[in-house]
Amino acid sequence: MDQLERIKTMEQHLDRASQAVMQLSAALDNYAAARQAIQELSAYYGSDEWKHDYADDEAGRLPQSLKRGVLSEDGIWNLLTDSRELNARLLSIVDDYSKQEKP
């Protein structure tokens, strides 16, 4: 690769990597802000309160217009599973990155 091609290629790498870093940083900020909500959902799911809310929904005591995805048996479970998998993926990426760092 000649000098001009190398510089153009490296410039493309810089543009792509800069955009990816900015997008990931924003996504991580958003995810970090949602951690409290995830913890509260985790505590709610399967609790006596959730069971009571679920039973009332099944008995038709809740308004039909009420959004109640939290009462589905899969909604919170899927979110918590996805969150755990994302955390494991983040740890793996950090671990791989730290092994590749030069001293």
Protein backbone atom coordinates (compact mmCIF):
# COMPACT_ATOMS: atom_id res chain seq x y z
CA MET A 1 0.00 0.00 0.00
CA ASP A 2 1.43 3.32 -0.95
CA GLN A 3 1.50 6.33 1.35
CA LEU A 4 -1.66 8.01 0.05
CA GLU A 5 -3.66 4.78 0.20
CA ARG A 6 -2.40 4.14 3.72
CA ILE A 7 -3.40 7.62 4.91
CA LYS A 8 -6.84 7.32 3.28
CA THR A 9 -7.37 3.90 4.84
CA MET A 10 -6.27 5.10 8.27
CA GLU A 11 -8.54 8.14 7.94
CA GLN A 12 -11.47 5.81 7.23
CA HIS A 13 -10.53 3.75 10.30
CA LEU A 14 -10.40 6.93 12.39
CA ASP A 15 -13.82 8.09 11.17
CA ARG A 16 -15.44 4.68 11.75
CA ALA A 17 -13.86 4.15 15.16
CA SER A 18 -14.66 7.71 16.33
CA GLN A 19 -18.30 7.28 15.41
CA ALA A 20 -18.48 3.86 17.09
CA VAL A 21 -16.87 5.18 20.29
CA MET A 22 -19.28 8.12 20.49
CA GLN A 23 -22.31 5.89 19.86
CA LEU A 24 -21.18 3.31 22.42
CA SER A 25 -20.47 6.01 24.98
CA ALA A 26 -23.99 7.41 24.58
CA ALA A 27 -25.51 3.92 24.77
CA LEU A 28 -23.53 3.11 27.91
CA ASP A 29 -24.66 6.37 29.52
CA ASN A 30 -28.26 5.42 28.74
CA TYR A 31 -27.78 1.87 30.05
CA ALA A 32 -26.11 3.10 33.25
CA ALA A 33 -29.03 5.46 33.83
CA ALA A 34 -31.45 2.54 33.43
CA ARG A 35 -29.67 0.29 35.95
CA GLN A 36 -31.85 1.50 38.85
CA ALA A 37 -34.98 0.69 36.84
CA ILE A 38 -33.62 -2.78 36.04
CA GLN A 39 -32.90 -3.42 39.73
CA GLU A 40 -36.40 -2.32 40.70
CA LEU A 41 -37.95 -4.54 38.02
CA SER A 42 -35.84 -7.44 39.26
CA ALA A 43 -37.10 -6.96 42.82
CA TYR A 44 -40.72 -6.58 41.62
CA TYR A 45 -40.79 -9.64 39.36
CA GLY A 46 -42.05 -12.65 41.30
CA SER A 47 -42.66 -10.60 44.46
CA ASP A 48 -45.93 -10.75 46.39
CA GLU A 49 -46.84 -7.38 44.85
CA TRP A 50 -46.26 -8.70 41.34
CA LYS A 51 -48.29 -11.82 42.09
CA HIS A 52 -51.14 -9.68 43.43
CA ASP A 53 -51.00 -7.36 40.40
CA TYR A 54 -50.90 -10.38 38.08
CA ALA A 55 -53.90 -11.99 39.79
CA ASP A 56 -55.89 -8.75 39.57
CA ASP A 57 -55.05 -8.51 35.88
CA GLU A 58 -56.12 -12.12 35.27
CA ALA A 59 -59.38 -11.45 37.15
CA GLY A 60 -60.09 -8.42 34.96
CA ARG A 61 -59.86 -5.92 37.82
CA LEU A 62 -57.41 -3.62 36.01
CA PRO A 63 -58.48 -1.05 33.41
CA GLN A 64 -58.24 -2.33 29.84
CA SER A 65 -56.42 0.87 28.86
CA LEU A 66 -53.60 0.23 31.39
CA LYS A 67 -50.32 -0.73 29.79
CA ARG A 68 -49.20 -3.81 31.70
CA GLY A 69 -46.35 -5.53 29.93
CA VAL A 70 -44.71 -5.91 33.34
CA LEU A 71 -47.40 -8.44 34.18
CA SER A 72 -46.58 -10.72 31.29
CA GLU A 73 -44.60 -13.71 32.41
CA ASP A 74 -41.94 -13.09 29.77
CA GLY A 75 -41.54 -9.30 29.65
CA ILE A 76 -39.41 -8.69 32.73
CA TRP A 77 -37.76 -12.14 32.52
CA ASN A 78 -36.55 -11.41 28.98
CA LEU A 79 -35.27 -7.97 29.96
CA LEU A 80 -33.37 -9.34 32.97
CA THR A 81 -31.89 -12.14 30.86
CA ASP A 82 -30.86 -9.69 28.14
CA SER A 83 -29.32 -7.41 30.77
CA ARG A 84 -27.29 -10.25 32.31
CA GLU A 85 -26.09 -11.33 28.86
CA LEU A 86 -25.14 -7.75 28.00
CA ASN A 87 -23.20 -7.41 31.26
CA ALA A 88 -21.32 -10.65 30.51
CA ARG A 89 -20.60 -9.43 26.98
CA LEU A 90 -19.27 -6.11 28.29
CA LEU A 91 -17.00 -7.91 30.76
CA SER A 92 -15.73 -10.20 28.02
CA ILE A 93 -14.97 -7.25 25.73
CA VAL A 94 -13.11 -5.44 28.51
CA ASP A 95 -11.20 -8.62 29.38
CA ASP A 96 -10.23 -9.22 25.74
CA TYR A 97 -9.21 -5.58 25.36
CA SER A 98 -7.06 -5.62 28.49
CA LYS A 99 -5.24 -8.74 27.23
CA GLN A 100 -4.45 -6.97 23.94
CA GLU A 101 -3.14 -3.76 25.50
CA LYS A 102 0.51 -3.14 25.01
CA PRO A 103 2.58 -2.41 28.13
